[in-house]
Amino acid sequence: MQTSQDVEVWAGQDLVITATVTEGGAAKNLTGATLYWELFKRANDPAAIAQADVTIVSAAAGTISVSVSNDQLAGLCGTYYHEIFCYDVSGNRVPVLSGDFVINPSRISSRTI
């Protein structure tokens, strides 16, 4: 059920990640599911450095979105690892999307507009 999706953003930007959760090549019905997004320094790190709730856009179609604000990424620059996951009926953490999360440096990140 896990899909790979790399993300690239410039420091100081807000970001909306959209995706379709699939299982066996077809959209997964997400009715009743709760999903979360987390950002890690590396894939094997135990603690997230940023987190956000995931919005289910269409449960039947498996479409989701997550909004990540520039405040959540403040002071970060480089390549990180991100993951969207849910908990199954047994309480097991199940990743549904993961990949590299690249934050490029930007002069705008240090200014208030």
C-alpha atoms as a PDB file:
ATOM      1  CA  MET A   1       0.000   0.000   0.000  1.00  0.00           C
ATOM      2  CA  GLN A   2       3.003   2.359   0.330  1.00  0.00           C
ATOM      3  CA  THR A   3       3.642   4.850  -2.477  1.00  0.00           C
ATOM      4  CA  SER A   4       6.849   6.784  -3.061  1.00  0.00           C
ATOM      5  CA  GLN A   5       6.511  10.557  -3.445  1.00  0.00           C
ATOM      6  CA  ASP A   6       9.477  12.885  -3.252  1.00  0.00           C
ATOM      7  CA  VAL A   7       8.803  16.534  -2.407  1.00  0.00           C
ATOM      8  CA  GLU A   8      10.876  19.648  -3.088  1.00  0.00           C
ATOM      9  CA  VAL A   9      10.169  23.030  -1.525  1.00  0.00           C
ATOM     10  CA  TRP A  10      12.001  26.330  -1.073  1.00  0.00           C
ATOM     11  CA  ALA A  11      12.595  27.595   2.463  1.00  0.00           C
ATOM     12  CA  GLY A  12       9.915  30.114   3.391  1.00  0.00           C
ATOM     13  CA  GLN A  13       7.174  28.472   1.296  1.00  0.00           C
ATOM     14  CA  ASP A  14       3.924  26.954   2.457  1.00  0.00           C
ATOM     15  CA  LEU A  15       3.232  23.612   0.818  1.00  0.00           C
ATOM     16  CA  VAL A  16       0.222  21.400   0.099  1.00  0.00           C
ATOM     17  CA  ILE A  17       0.993  17.758  -0.644  1.00  0.00           C
ATOM     18  CA  THR A  18      -1.759  15.940  -2.552  1.00  0.00           C
ATOM     19  CA  ALA A  19      -1.831  12.253  -3.337  1.00  0.00           C
ATOM     20  CA  THR A  20      -4.018   9.228  -3.957  1.00  0.00           C
ATOM     21  CA  VAL A  21      -3.568   6.296  -1.611  1.00  0.00           C
ATOM     22  CA  THR A  22      -3.569   3.042  -3.563  1.00  0.00           C
ATOM     23  CA  GLU A  23      -3.610  -0.637  -2.783  1.00  0.00           C
ATOM     24  CA  GLY A  24      -2.914  -3.202  -5.480  1.00  0.00           C
ATOM     25  CA  GLY A  25      -2.908  -0.439  -8.109  1.00  0.00           C
ATOM     26  CA  ALA A  26      -6.416   0.801  -7.259  1.00  0.00           C
ATOM     27  CA  ALA A  27      -7.513   3.702  -5.090  1.00  0.00           C
ATOM     28  CA  LYS A  28      -7.910   2.650  -1.457  1.00  0.00           C
ATOM     29  CA  ASN A  29     -11.161   3.536   0.266  1.00  0.00           C
ATOM     30  CA  LEU A  30     -10.190   5.619   3.310  1.00  0.00           C
ATOM     31  CA  THR A  31     -13.590   5.718   4.992  1.00  0.00           C
ATOM     32  CA  GLY A  32     -13.021   5.866   8.753  1.00  0.00           C
ATOM     33  CA  ALA A  33      -9.254   6.233   8.417  1.00  0.00           C
ATOM     34  CA  THR A  34      -7.124   8.808  10.205  1.00  0.00           C
ATOM     35  CA  LEU A  35      -3.837   9.737   8.569  1.00  0.00           C
ATOM     36  CA  TYR A  36      -0.833  11.743   9.723  1.00  0.00           C
ATOM     37  CA  TRP A  37       2.243  13.327   8.099  1.00  0.00           C
ATOM     38  CA  GLU A  38       5.677  13.405   9.723  1.00  0.00           C
ATOM     39  CA  LEU A  39       9.092  14.729   8.719  1.00  0.00           C
ATOM     40  CA  PHE A  40      12.329  13.096   9.901  1.00  0.00           C
ATOM     41  CA  LYS A  41      16.024  13.943   9.561  1.00  0.00           C
ATOM     42  CA  ARG A  42      16.563  10.421   8.162  1.00  0.00           C
ATOM     43  CA  ALA A  43      14.338   7.460   7.356  1.00  0.00           C
ATOM     44  CA  ASN A  44      15.502   5.499  10.401  1.00  0.00           C
ATOM     45  CA  ASP A  45      15.181   8.313  12.963  1.00  0.00           C
ATOM     46  CA  PRO A  46      12.718   7.509  15.741  1.00  0.00           C
ATOM     47  CA  ALA A  47      11.492  11.072  16.374  1.00  0.00           C
ATOM     48  CA  ALA A  48       9.781  13.381  13.908  1.00  0.00           C
ATOM     49  CA  ILE A  49      10.931  16.993  13.589  1.00  0.00           C
ATOM     50  CA  ALA A  50       7.609  18.199  12.108  1.00  0.00           C
ATOM     51  CA  GLN A  51       4.069  16.805  12.035  1.00  0.00           C
ATOM     52  CA  ALA A  52       0.697  17.637  10.463  1.00  0.00           C
ATOM     53  CA  ASP A  53      -2.771  16.182  10.153  1.00  0.00           C
ATOM     54  CA  VAL A  54      -3.801  14.805   6.781  1.00  0.00           C
ATOM     55  CA  THR A  55      -7.120  15.805   5.226  1.00  0.00           C
ATOM     56  CA  ILE A  56      -9.072  13.136   3.394  1.00  0.00           C
ATOM     57  CA  VAL A  57     -10.387  14.915   0.301  1.00  0.00           C
ATOM     58  CA  SER A  58     -12.406  11.927  -0.976  1.00  0.00           C
ATOM     59  CA  ALA A  59     -12.498   8.768   1.123  1.00  0.00           C
ATOM     60  CA  ALA A  60     -13.951   6.636  -1.692  1.00  0.00           C
ATOM     61  CA  ALA A  61     -11.326   7.855  -4.181  1.00  0.00           C
ATOM     62  CA  GLY A  62      -8.448   7.630  -1.691  1.00  0.00           C
ATOM     63  CA  THR A  63      -7.406  11.237  -2.240  1.00  0.00           C
ATOM     64  CA  ILE A  64      -5.648  13.132   0.545  1.00  0.00           C
ATOM     65  CA  SER A  65      -3.921  16.442   1.158  1.00  0.00           C
ATOM     66  CA  VAL A  66      -1.654  17.779   3.865  1.00  0.00           C
ATOM     67  CA  SER A  67      -0.799  21.431   4.456  1.00  0.00           C
ATOM     68  CA  VAL A  68       2.712  22.159   5.707  1.00  0.00           C
ATOM     69  CA  SER A  69       3.409  25.751   6.721  1.00  0.00           C
ATOM     70  CA  ASN A  70       6.725  27.508   6.413  1.00  0.00           C
ATOM     71  CA  ASP A  71       6.655  27.864  10.231  1.00  0.00           C
ATOM     72  CA  GLN A  72       6.822  24.068  10.564  1.00  0.00           C
ATOM     73  CA  LEU A  73       9.954  24.026   8.398  1.00  0.00           C
ATOM     74  CA  ALA A  74      11.641  27.105   9.891  1.00  0.00           C
ATOM     75  CA  GLY A  75      15.394  26.724  10.149  1.00  0.00           C
ATOM     76  CA  LEU A  76      15.486  23.550   8.055  1.00  0.00           C
ATOM     77  CA  CYS A  77      17.476  23.143   4.866  1.00  0.00           C
ATOM     78  CA  GLY A  78      18.650  19.990   3.088  1.00  0.00           C
ATOM     79  CA  THR A  79      17.270  16.534   2.379  1.00  0.00           C
ATOM     80  CA  TYR A  80      14.934  14.909   4.885  1.00  0.00           C
ATOM     81  CA  TYR A  81      12.519  11.956   4.857  1.00  0.00           C
ATOM     82  CA  HIS A  82       8.735  12.296   5.064  1.00  0.00           C
ATOM     83  CA  GLU A  83       5.958   9.799   5.602  1.00  0.00           C
ATOM     84  CA  ILE A  84       2.175   9.724   5.605  1.00  0.00           C
ATOM     85  CA  PHE A  85       0.769   6.888   7.651  1.00  0.00           C
ATOM     86  CA  CYS A  86      -2.407   5.563   9.214  1.00  0.00           C
ATOM     87  CA  TYR A  87      -3.216   3.059  11.911  1.00  0.00           C
ATOM     88  CA  ASP A  88      -4.935  -0.163  10.907  1.00  0.00           C
ATOM     89  CA  VAL A  89      -7.758  -1.774  12.904  1.00  0.00           C
ATOM     90  CA  SER A  90      -5.192  -3.591  15.058  1.00  0.00           C
ATOM     91  CA  GLY A  91      -3.425  -0.332  15.928  1.00  0.00           C
ATOM     92  CA  ASN A  92      -0.413  -0.997  13.702  1.00  0.00           C
ATOM     93  CA  ARG A  93       1.251   1.998  12.067  1.00  0.00           C
ATOM     94  CA  VAL A  94       0.960   1.530   8.293  1.00  0.00           C
ATOM     95  CA  PRO A  95       2.910   3.845   5.955  1.00  0.00           C
ATOM     96  CA  VAL A  96       0.951   4.844   2.849  1.00  0.00           C
ATOM     97  CA  LEU A  97       3.356   7.377   1.295  1.00  0.00           C
ATOM     98  CA  SER A  98       7.012   8.198   1.859  1.00  0.00           C
ATOM     99  CA  GLY A  99      10.002   9.727   0.177  1.00  0.00           C
ATOM    100  CA  ASP A 100      12.687  12.386   0.199  1.00  0.00           C
ATOM    101  CA  PHE A 101      11.679  15.865   1.334  1.00  0.00           C
ATOM    102  CA  VAL A 102      14.116  18.461  -0.014  1.00  0.00           C
ATOM    103  CA  ILE A 103      14.142  21.971   1.445  1.00  0.00           C
ATOM    104  CA  ASN A 104      16.176  24.329  -0.731  1.00  0.00           C
ATOM    105  CA  PRO A 105      17.713  27.488   0.758  1.00  0.00           C
ATOM    106  CA  SER A 106      16.014  30.786  -0.004  1.00  0.00           C
ATOM    107  CA  ARG A 107      16.691  34.345   0.986  1.00  0.00           C
ATOM    108  CA  ILE A 108      12.961  34.881   1.515  1.00  0.00           C
ATOM    109  CA  SER A 109      12.971  32.551   4.524  1.00  0.00           C
ATOM    110  CA  SER A 110      14.700  35.195   6.605  1.00  0.00           C
ATOM    111  CA  ARG A 111      12.378  38.093   5.689  1.00  0.00           C
ATOM    112  CA  THR A 112       8.935  39.089   6.852  1.00  0.00           C
ATOM    113  CA  ILE A 113       6.644  40.167   4.044  1.00  0.00           C
END
